[in-house]
Amino acid sequence: MLVETETTKAKQIKTLKKVIMWRIVSVSLTYLITFIYTGDLKSATAFTLFLHAVLMAANYIFEIIWNRYEIQ
């Protein structure tokens, strides 16, 4: 018998926290590498913010879909 230990909402919150923590690490690395490459704070900031806004949304949607089908 399968016993679900976490509610769907709890899993979604846990997933969102995980995504945010990874993005903090990833944004920092992207910003540092982009700044070193371009030497320009404005360009590095704009590129990093745009890229990671898109990636964070995509990752969250992926995790939700993955969790939905993983249970079945």
Protein backbone atom coordinates (compact mmCIF):
# COMPACT_ATOMS: atom_id res chain seq x y z
CA MET A 1 0.00 0.00 0.00
CA LEU A 2 1.34 3.41 -0.98
CA VAL A 3 1.21 6.00 1.78
CA GLU A 4 1.69 9.59 0.69
CA THR A 5 3.65 11.43 3.38
CA GLU A 6 3.42 14.91 1.90
CA THR A 7 0.41 16.75 0.57
CA THR A 8 0.51 18.09 -2.95
CA LYS A 9 0.68 21.66 -1.64
CA ALA A 10 3.59 20.78 0.68
CA LYS A 11 5.45 19.21 -2.24
CA GLN A 12 4.89 22.29 -4.37
CA ILE A 13 6.20 24.56 -1.60
CA LYS A 14 9.24 22.31 -1.10
CA THR A 15 9.87 22.34 -4.86
CA LEU A 16 9.61 26.13 -5.02
CA LYS A 17 12.10 26.53 -2.13
CA LYS A 18 14.52 24.15 -3.87
CA VAL A 19 14.22 26.07 -7.14
CA ILE A 20 14.82 29.43 -5.43
CA MET A 21 17.90 28.18 -3.54
CA TRP A 22 19.42 26.73 -6.71
CA ARG A 23 18.70 29.95 -8.61
CA ILE A 24 20.58 31.98 -5.97
CA VAL A 25 23.68 29.86 -6.58
CA SER A 26 23.18 29.83 -10.34
CA VAL A 27 22.52 33.59 -10.60
CA SER A 28 25.66 34.35 -8.62
CA LEU A 29 27.80 32.18 -10.87
CA THR A 30 26.23 33.52 -14.06
CA TYR A 31 26.67 37.11 -12.93
CA LEU A 32 30.30 36.59 -11.96
CA ILE A 33 31.20 34.82 -15.20
CA THR A 34 29.28 37.32 -17.36
CA PHE A 35 30.90 40.26 -15.58
CA ILE A 36 34.36 38.77 -16.01
CA TYR A 37 33.64 38.15 -19.71
CA THR A 38 32.05 41.55 -20.51
CA GLY A 39 33.66 43.78 -17.90
CA ASP A 40 30.38 45.74 -17.83
CA LEU A 41 28.08 45.76 -14.77
CA LYS A 42 25.00 46.88 -16.71
CA SER A 43 25.31 44.19 -19.38
CA ALA A 44 26.11 41.47 -16.86
CA THR A 45 23.14 42.45 -14.69
CA ALA A 46 20.65 42.65 -17.56
CA PHE A 47 21.73 39.35 -19.08
CA THR A 48 21.76 37.54 -15.74
CA LEU A 49 18.32 38.79 -14.64
CA PHE A 50 16.67 37.99 -17.96
CA LEU A 51 18.24 34.55 -18.29
CA HIS A 52 17.39 33.46 -14.78
CA ALA A 53 13.84 34.75 -14.79
CA VAL A 54 13.19 32.52 -17.79
CA LEU A 55 15.08 29.56 -16.34
CA MET A 56 13.40 29.76 -12.92
CA ALA A 57 9.93 29.74 -14.44
CA ALA A 58 10.82 26.85 -16.75
CA ASN A 59 12.34 24.83 -13.93
CA TYR A 60 9.35 25.32 -11.63
CA ILE A 61 6.92 24.24 -14.35
CA PHE A 62 9.09 21.23 -15.13
CA GLU A 63 9.19 20.19 -11.46
CA ILE A 64 5.41 20.47 -11.09
CA ILE A 65 4.82 18.35 -14.21
CA TRP A 66 7.47 15.84 -13.13
CA ASN A 67 5.91 15.48 -9.66
CA ARG A 68 2.44 15.02 -11.15
CA TYR A 69 3.56 12.05 -13.27
CA GLU A 70 6.06 10.63 -10.78
CA ILE A 71 3.27 9.65 -8.36
CA GLN A 72 1.42 7.58 -10.96
